[in-house]
N, C-alpha and C. Protein backbone atom coordinates (compact mmCIF):
# COMPACT_ATOMS: atom_id res chain seq x y z
N MET A 1 -42.25 -12.58 -19.84
CA MET A 1 -43.57 -12.01 -19.70
C MET A 1 -44.57 -12.70 -20.64
N THR A 2 -44.14 -13.02 -21.84
CA THR A 2 -45.03 -13.66 -22.81
C THR A 2 -45.50 -15.03 -22.31
N GLU A 3 -44.59 -15.81 -21.74
CA GLU A 3 -44.97 -17.12 -21.22
C GLU A 3 -45.97 -17.00 -20.08
N ALA A 4 -45.79 -16.03 -19.21
CA ALA A 4 -46.72 -15.81 -18.11
C ALA A 4 -48.09 -15.42 -18.64
N THR A 5 -48.12 -14.62 -19.69
CA THR A 5 -49.38 -14.21 -20.30
C THR A 5 -50.08 -15.41 -20.94
N LEU A 6 -49.32 -16.27 -21.61
CA LEU A 6 -49.91 -17.46 -22.25
C LEU A 6 -50.61 -18.37 -21.25
N LYS A 7 -50.10 -18.45 -20.04
CA LYS A 7 -50.69 -19.33 -19.03
C LYS A 7 -52.13 -18.96 -18.71
N SER A 8 -52.52 -17.72 -18.98
CA SER A 8 -53.88 -17.30 -18.68
C SER A 8 -54.85 -17.55 -19.83
N PHE A 9 -54.35 -18.02 -20.96
CA PHE A 9 -55.19 -18.28 -22.12
C PHE A 9 -55.55 -19.76 -22.24
N HIS A 10 -56.58 -20.01 -23.03
CA HIS A 10 -56.95 -21.37 -23.42
C HIS A 10 -57.09 -21.39 -24.93
N VAL A 11 -56.59 -22.43 -25.57
CA VAL A 11 -56.67 -22.59 -27.02
C VAL A 11 -57.34 -23.92 -27.30
N ASP A 12 -58.36 -23.90 -28.16
CA ASP A 12 -59.01 -25.17 -28.52
C ASP A 12 -58.10 -26.02 -29.40
N VAL A 13 -57.57 -25.41 -30.48
CA VAL A 13 -56.74 -26.16 -31.42
C VAL A 13 -55.46 -25.37 -31.68
N LEU A 14 -54.33 -26.04 -31.52
CA LEU A 14 -53.03 -25.44 -31.83
C LEU A 14 -52.45 -26.14 -33.04
N PHE A 15 -52.09 -25.36 -34.05
CA PHE A 15 -51.37 -25.88 -35.21
C PHE A 15 -49.91 -25.47 -35.03
N ALA A 16 -49.02 -26.45 -35.01
CA ALA A 16 -47.60 -26.17 -34.80
C ALA A 16 -46.76 -26.86 -35.85
N GLY A 17 -45.68 -26.22 -36.23
CA GLY A 17 -44.72 -26.83 -37.13
C GLY A 17 -43.58 -27.41 -36.31
N CYS A 18 -42.73 -28.20 -36.94
CA CYS A 18 -41.59 -28.77 -36.22
C CYS A 18 -40.39 -28.91 -37.16
N ASP A 19 -39.22 -28.98 -36.55
CA ASP A 19 -37.98 -29.17 -37.31
C ASP A 19 -37.50 -30.61 -37.28
N GLY A 20 -38.12 -31.41 -36.41
CA GLY A 20 -37.76 -32.82 -36.31
C GLY A 20 -38.86 -33.58 -35.61
N ALA A 21 -38.98 -34.86 -35.95
CA ALA A 21 -40.01 -35.71 -35.34
C ALA A 21 -39.43 -37.10 -35.12
N ASP A 22 -39.42 -37.51 -33.87
CA ASP A 22 -38.88 -38.81 -33.50
C ASP A 22 -39.97 -39.57 -32.76
N SER A 23 -40.22 -40.80 -33.16
CA SER A 23 -41.35 -41.55 -32.60
C SER A 23 -41.23 -41.81 -31.10
N LYS A 24 -40.04 -41.85 -30.56
CA LYS A 24 -39.88 -42.07 -29.13
C LYS A 24 -39.71 -40.76 -28.37
N GLY A 25 -39.02 -39.80 -28.98
CA GLY A 25 -38.72 -38.55 -28.29
C GLY A 25 -39.77 -37.47 -28.46
N GLY A 26 -40.46 -37.47 -29.58
CA GLY A 26 -41.49 -36.47 -29.81
C GLY A 26 -41.16 -35.52 -30.95
N PHE A 27 -41.57 -34.26 -30.77
CA PHE A 27 -41.47 -33.25 -31.81
C PHE A 27 -40.49 -32.17 -31.37
N TYR A 28 -39.61 -31.77 -32.28
CA TYR A 28 -38.48 -30.91 -31.95
C TYR A 28 -38.45 -29.62 -32.75
N LEU A 29 -37.80 -28.62 -32.16
CA LEU A 29 -37.52 -27.35 -32.81
C LEU A 29 -36.02 -27.11 -32.75
N SER A 30 -35.55 -26.22 -33.60
CA SER A 30 -34.13 -25.88 -33.60
C SER A 30 -33.85 -24.55 -32.92
N ASN A 31 -34.89 -23.76 -32.68
CA ASN A 31 -34.72 -22.43 -32.13
C ASN A 31 -34.99 -22.43 -30.62
N LEU A 32 -33.95 -22.34 -29.84
CA LEU A 32 -34.07 -22.37 -28.39
C LEU A 32 -34.82 -21.16 -27.86
N SER A 33 -34.68 -20.01 -28.51
CA SER A 33 -35.30 -18.79 -27.99
C SER A 33 -36.83 -18.81 -28.08
N THR A 34 -37.39 -19.59 -28.98
CA THR A 34 -38.86 -19.65 -29.09
C THR A 34 -39.45 -20.97 -28.58
N SER A 35 -38.60 -21.93 -28.26
CA SER A 35 -39.11 -23.26 -27.89
C SER A 35 -39.95 -23.23 -26.61
N SER A 36 -39.61 -22.38 -25.65
CA SER A 36 -40.40 -22.32 -24.42
C SER A 36 -41.81 -21.81 -24.69
N LEU A 37 -41.96 -20.93 -25.68
CA LEU A 37 -43.30 -20.47 -26.06
C LEU A 37 -44.11 -21.61 -26.67
N ASP A 38 -43.47 -22.39 -27.52
CA ASP A 38 -44.15 -23.53 -28.13
C ASP A 38 -44.55 -24.56 -27.06
N GLN A 39 -43.66 -24.80 -26.11
CA GLN A 39 -43.98 -25.74 -25.03
C GLN A 39 -45.18 -25.25 -24.22
N GLN A 40 -45.24 -23.95 -23.95
CA GLN A 40 -46.36 -23.40 -23.19
C GLN A 40 -47.66 -23.47 -23.99
N MET A 41 -47.58 -23.22 -25.31
CA MET A 41 -48.78 -23.30 -26.14
C MET A 41 -49.33 -24.71 -26.18
N VAL A 42 -48.46 -25.71 -26.19
CA VAL A 42 -48.90 -27.11 -26.16
C VAL A 42 -49.66 -27.37 -24.86
N LYS A 43 -49.19 -26.80 -23.76
CA LYS A 43 -49.83 -27.02 -22.46
C LYS A 43 -51.22 -26.41 -22.37
N ILE A 44 -51.47 -25.29 -23.05
CA ILE A 44 -52.76 -24.61 -22.91
C ILE A 44 -53.77 -25.05 -23.97
N ALA A 45 -53.35 -25.89 -24.92
CA ALA A 45 -54.23 -26.30 -26.01
C ALA A 45 -54.98 -27.58 -25.67
N THR A 46 -56.24 -27.63 -26.08
CA THR A 46 -57.03 -28.85 -25.93
C THR A 46 -56.60 -29.89 -26.95
N HIS A 47 -56.38 -29.46 -28.18
CA HIS A 47 -55.94 -30.34 -29.27
C HIS A 47 -54.70 -29.75 -29.92
N VAL A 48 -53.69 -30.59 -30.11
CA VAL A 48 -52.45 -30.15 -30.74
C VAL A 48 -52.29 -30.89 -32.06
N ILE A 49 -52.13 -30.13 -33.14
CA ILE A 49 -51.92 -30.69 -34.46
C ILE A 49 -50.55 -30.21 -34.95
N VAL A 50 -49.67 -31.16 -35.26
CA VAL A 50 -48.35 -30.81 -35.78
C VAL A 50 -48.37 -30.99 -37.28
N VAL A 51 -48.01 -29.94 -38.00
CA VAL A 51 -47.92 -29.99 -39.46
C VAL A 51 -46.45 -30.15 -39.79
N GLU A 52 -46.14 -31.20 -40.53
CA GLU A 52 -44.72 -31.50 -40.78
C GLU A 52 -44.50 -32.02 -42.19
N VAL A 53 -43.27 -31.99 -42.59
CA VAL A 53 -42.84 -32.57 -43.86
C VAL A 53 -42.22 -33.92 -43.52
N SER A 54 -42.54 -34.94 -44.29
CA SER A 54 -42.13 -36.30 -43.93
C SER A 54 -40.62 -36.49 -43.85
N VAL A 55 -39.83 -35.64 -44.50
CA VAL A 55 -38.38 -35.79 -44.42
C VAL A 55 -37.87 -35.49 -43.00
N LYS A 56 -38.72 -34.95 -42.15
CA LYS A 56 -38.32 -34.64 -40.78
C LYS A 56 -38.53 -35.82 -39.83
N PHE A 57 -39.14 -36.91 -40.31
CA PHE A 57 -39.28 -38.11 -39.50
C PHE A 57 -37.91 -38.68 -39.17
N GLY A 58 -37.72 -39.08 -37.95
CA GLY A 58 -36.47 -39.68 -37.54
C GLY A 58 -35.38 -38.67 -37.23
N ARG A 59 -35.68 -37.40 -37.34
CA ARG A 59 -34.72 -36.35 -37.03
C ARG A 59 -35.07 -35.72 -35.69
N LYS A 60 -34.05 -35.32 -34.98
CA LYS A 60 -34.26 -34.57 -33.75
C LYS A 60 -33.73 -33.17 -33.94
N GLY A 61 -34.42 -32.22 -33.36
CA GLY A 61 -33.94 -30.85 -33.38
C GLY A 61 -33.18 -30.56 -32.09
N PHE A 62 -32.95 -29.30 -31.84
CA PHE A 62 -32.18 -28.90 -30.67
C PHE A 62 -32.94 -29.09 -29.36
N VAL A 63 -34.26 -28.83 -29.39
CA VAL A 63 -35.04 -28.91 -28.15
C VAL A 63 -36.43 -29.50 -28.45
N ARG A 64 -36.89 -30.39 -27.58
CA ARG A 64 -38.22 -30.99 -27.75
C ARG A 64 -39.27 -30.02 -27.21
N PHE A 65 -40.34 -29.83 -28.00
CA PHE A 65 -41.43 -28.98 -27.52
C PHE A 65 -42.70 -29.78 -27.23
N ALA A 66 -42.77 -31.02 -27.69
CA ALA A 66 -43.95 -31.84 -27.42
C ALA A 66 -43.58 -33.32 -27.47
N GLU A 67 -44.12 -34.08 -26.55
CA GLU A 67 -43.98 -35.53 -26.56
C GLU A 67 -45.10 -36.11 -27.40
N PRO A 68 -44.93 -37.35 -27.90
CA PRO A 68 -45.99 -37.93 -28.73
C PRO A 68 -47.36 -37.95 -28.04
N GLU A 69 -47.38 -38.16 -26.74
CA GLU A 69 -48.65 -38.22 -26.00
C GLU A 69 -49.36 -36.87 -25.93
N GLN A 70 -48.64 -35.78 -26.20
CA GLN A 70 -49.23 -34.45 -26.15
C GLN A 70 -49.83 -34.02 -27.48
N VAL A 71 -49.55 -34.78 -28.53
CA VAL A 71 -50.01 -34.42 -29.88
C VAL A 71 -51.18 -35.31 -30.26
N HIS A 72 -52.25 -34.69 -30.73
CA HIS A 72 -53.46 -35.43 -31.07
C HIS A 72 -53.49 -35.84 -32.54
N ARG A 73 -52.84 -35.06 -33.39
CA ARG A 73 -52.85 -35.37 -34.83
C ARG A 73 -51.61 -34.76 -35.46
N SER A 74 -51.12 -35.42 -36.49
CA SER A 74 -50.01 -34.90 -37.27
C SER A 74 -50.39 -34.97 -38.73
N ASN A 75 -50.27 -33.85 -39.40
CA ASN A 75 -50.56 -33.80 -40.83
C ASN A 75 -49.26 -33.64 -41.58
N ARG A 76 -49.02 -34.57 -42.50
CA ARG A 76 -47.80 -34.50 -43.30
C ARG A 76 -48.10 -33.86 -44.64
N HIS A 77 -47.13 -33.16 -45.14
CA HIS A 77 -47.25 -32.53 -46.45
C HIS A 77 -47.07 -33.61 -47.51
N ALA A 78 -48.16 -33.99 -48.16
CA ALA A 78 -48.16 -35.15 -49.06
C ALA A 78 -47.27 -34.95 -50.28
N LEU A 79 -47.26 -33.78 -50.90
CA LEU A 79 -46.47 -33.56 -52.11
C LEU A 79 -44.99 -33.74 -51.81
N VAL A 80 -44.53 -33.17 -50.73
CA VAL A 80 -43.13 -33.30 -50.37
C VAL A 80 -42.80 -34.75 -50.01
N ARG A 81 -43.72 -35.43 -49.36
CA ARG A 81 -43.48 -36.82 -49.00
C ARG A 81 -43.25 -37.67 -50.24
N ARG A 82 -44.07 -37.47 -51.27
CA ARG A 82 -43.91 -38.26 -52.49
C ARG A 82 -42.56 -37.97 -53.15
N ARG A 83 -42.14 -36.73 -53.13
CA ARG A 83 -40.88 -36.37 -53.76
C ARG A 83 -39.68 -36.82 -52.94
N SER A 84 -39.83 -36.82 -51.63
CA SER A 84 -38.67 -37.09 -50.79
C SER A 84 -38.28 -38.56 -50.79
N GLY A 85 -39.25 -39.45 -50.96
CA GLY A 85 -38.97 -40.87 -50.94
C GLY A 85 -38.39 -41.33 -49.61
N ASN A 86 -38.91 -40.79 -48.53
CA ASN A 86 -38.40 -41.12 -47.19
C ASN A 86 -39.03 -42.44 -46.72
N PRO A 87 -38.34 -43.57 -46.86
CA PRO A 87 -38.92 -44.85 -46.49
C PRO A 87 -39.12 -45.00 -44.99
N GLY A 88 -38.35 -44.28 -44.19
CA GLY A 88 -38.47 -44.39 -42.74
C GLY A 88 -39.71 -43.70 -42.19
N GLY A 89 -40.31 -42.84 -43.00
CA GLY A 89 -41.47 -42.09 -42.55
C GLY A 89 -42.63 -42.97 -42.13
N GLU A 90 -42.89 -44.02 -42.88
CA GLU A 90 -43.99 -44.92 -42.56
C GLU A 90 -43.74 -45.64 -41.24
N ARG A 91 -42.51 -46.05 -40.99
CA ARG A 91 -42.17 -46.72 -39.74
C ARG A 91 -42.43 -45.80 -38.55
N HIS A 92 -42.00 -44.55 -38.65
CA HIS A 92 -42.22 -43.60 -37.57
C HIS A 92 -43.70 -43.28 -37.41
N GLN A 93 -44.42 -43.24 -38.51
CA GLN A 93 -45.86 -42.97 -38.44
C GLN A 93 -46.55 -44.05 -37.61
N HIS A 94 -46.19 -45.32 -37.83
CA HIS A 94 -46.81 -46.40 -37.06
C HIS A 94 -46.46 -46.29 -35.58
N SER A 95 -45.24 -45.88 -35.27
CA SER A 95 -44.85 -45.70 -33.87
C SER A 95 -45.66 -44.61 -33.22
N TYR A 96 -45.89 -43.52 -33.94
CA TYR A 96 -46.70 -42.43 -33.39
C TYR A 96 -48.15 -42.88 -33.18
N CYS A 97 -48.66 -43.66 -34.11
CA CYS A 97 -50.04 -44.14 -33.98
C CYS A 97 -50.20 -44.97 -32.71
N ARG A 98 -49.19 -45.77 -32.38
CA ARG A 98 -49.24 -46.55 -31.14
C ARG A 98 -49.26 -45.63 -29.92
N ALA A 99 -48.69 -44.43 -30.04
CA ALA A 99 -48.67 -43.47 -28.93
C ALA A 99 -49.96 -42.64 -28.89
N GLY A 100 -50.87 -42.87 -29.85
CA GLY A 100 -52.14 -42.16 -29.85
C GLY A 100 -52.21 -40.99 -30.80
N VAL A 101 -51.17 -40.76 -31.60
CA VAL A 101 -51.17 -39.65 -32.56
C VAL A 101 -51.86 -40.13 -33.82
N LYS A 102 -52.85 -39.37 -34.29
CA LYS A 102 -53.54 -39.70 -35.53
C LYS A 102 -52.86 -38.98 -36.68
N TYR A 103 -52.81 -39.64 -37.84
CA TYR A 103 -52.13 -39.07 -38.99
C TYR A 103 -53.08 -38.82 -40.14
N ARG A 104 -52.76 -37.76 -40.87
CA ARG A 104 -53.48 -37.47 -42.09
C ARG A 104 -52.46 -36.97 -43.11
N SER A 105 -52.42 -37.62 -44.24
CA SER A 105 -51.47 -37.23 -45.28
C SER A 105 -52.12 -36.28 -46.25
């Protein structure tokens, strides 16, 4: 019922979190029971912003909720990025930029 209700709404900007981010596969969640809601919210939003921690770059979760082409911007948590020392994060960031995703650290 919730998914059917969401289809009747429009959202200008959606802020979403993720459990994994892969430059070819997209953005992932680990919770199957809520992933369909996230997928529907991505569909009704004009702009999708994914807020993530850089250590999640290169990881896949259980289910994809958005492809790179569906995300307009990704904001990484800068403090965690500096502490994590994730060297692969920059490589994935460039791949997302080629897909049209804008980044802000």
